[in-house]
Amino acid sequence: MKPCDKNIESTLQITAKMIKLAELGNAEREDTGCGILYGVLLDSAYKLKRLAEKEKGNHLNKDWWKTDKSFWGHR
């Protein structure tokens, strides 16, 4: 996998963690300030996720997205 694709994949992994944290934080919060914090975190995570998925799609459409297995001819 190319470094630029690894970075996109890492971004998608980070956004998944952000979403989980925001959901957990909101469920366990004790005041409205935390609600705002986790709301912003969740909104930001979804925006970043959407951008990363779009860029991954662009790489796939251009046939740039290669996994380590596809390098050896396997899919």
Protein backbone atom coordinates (compact mmCIF):
# COMPACT_ATOMS: atom_id res chain seq x y z
CA MET A 1 0.00 0.00 0.00
CA LYS A 2 1.32 3.43 -0.93
CA PRO A 3 2.11 5.87 1.91
CA CYS A 4 -0.65 8.25 0.85
CA ASP A 5 -3.17 5.38 1.00
CA LYS A 6 -1.87 4.30 4.41
CA ASN A 7 -2.44 7.84 5.66
CA ILE A 8 -6.02 7.80 4.42
CA GLU A 9 -6.56 4.42 6.08
CA SER A 10 -5.07 5.77 9.32
CA THR A 11 -7.40 8.75 9.12
CA LEU A 12 -10.38 6.40 8.81
CA GLN A 13 -9.17 4.45 11.85
CA ILE A 14 -8.76 7.64 13.87
CA THR A 15 -12.24 8.84 12.95
CA ALA A 16 -13.70 5.51 14.09
CA LYS A 17 -12.01 6.01 17.48
CA MET A 18 -13.26 9.60 17.62
CA ILE A 19 -16.84 8.45 17.00
CA LYS A 20 -16.63 5.78 19.70
CA LEU A 21 -15.14 8.25 22.19
CA ALA A 22 -17.78 10.88 21.43
CA GLU A 23 -20.59 8.36 21.88
CA LEU A 24 -19.11 7.06 25.15
CA GLY A 25 -18.34 10.54 26.44
CA ASN A 26 -21.86 11.72 25.69
CA ALA A 27 -23.39 8.68 27.41
CA GLU A 28 -21.27 9.24 30.53
CA ARG A 29 -21.30 13.03 30.68
CA GLU A 30 -22.51 14.90 33.73
CA ASP A 31 -22.94 18.42 32.39
CA THR A 32 -23.80 20.36 29.24
CA GLY A 33 -20.20 21.49 28.65
CA CYS A 34 -19.20 17.87 28.06
CA GLY A 35 -22.23 17.47 25.81
CA ILE A 36 -20.96 20.32 23.65
CA LEU A 37 -17.44 18.87 23.62
CA TYR A 38 -18.59 15.43 22.51
CA GLY A 39 -21.05 16.89 20.03
CA VAL A 40 -18.22 18.83 18.36
CA LEU A 41 -15.99 15.75 18.44
CA LEU A 42 -18.70 13.61 16.81
CA ASP A 43 -19.47 16.22 14.16
CA SER A 44 -15.77 16.66 13.36
CA ALA A 45 -15.23 12.90 13.16
CA TYR A 46 -18.05 12.46 10.66
CA LYS A 47 -16.79 15.35 8.53
CA LEU A 48 -13.26 13.94 8.47
CA LYS A 49 -14.55 10.44 7.78
CA ARG A 50 -16.61 11.68 4.83
CA LEU A 51 -13.59 13.50 3.36
CA ALA A 52 -11.30 10.48 3.84
CA GLU A 53 -13.84 8.10 2.29
CA LYS A 54 -14.24 10.44 -0.68
CA GLU A 55 -10.46 10.57 -1.17
CA LYS A 56 -10.20 6.79 -0.85
CA GLY A 57 -12.90 6.51 -3.52
CA ASN A 58 -10.92 8.85 -5.75
CA HIS A 59 -7.83 6.67 -5.34
CA LEU A 60 -9.85 3.52 -6.05
CA ASN A 61 -11.39 5.05 -9.19
CA LYS A 62 -7.94 6.00 -10.46
CA ASP A 63 -6.69 2.50 -9.60
CA TRP A 64 -4.14 4.02 -7.24
CA TRP A 65 -5.37 2.18 -4.12
CA LYS A 66 -3.29 -0.96 -3.87
CA THR A 67 -3.20 -3.31 -0.92
CA ASP A 68 -0.04 -5.18 -0.05
CA LYS A 69 -1.61 -8.35 -1.50
CA SER A 70 -2.44 -6.70 -4.83
CA PHE A 71 1.26 -5.86 -5.20
CA TRP A 72 1.88 -9.62 -5.52
CA GLY A 73 -1.01 -10.12 -7.92
CA HIS A 74 -3.62 -11.30 -5.41
CA ARG A 75 -6.94 -9.63 -4.76
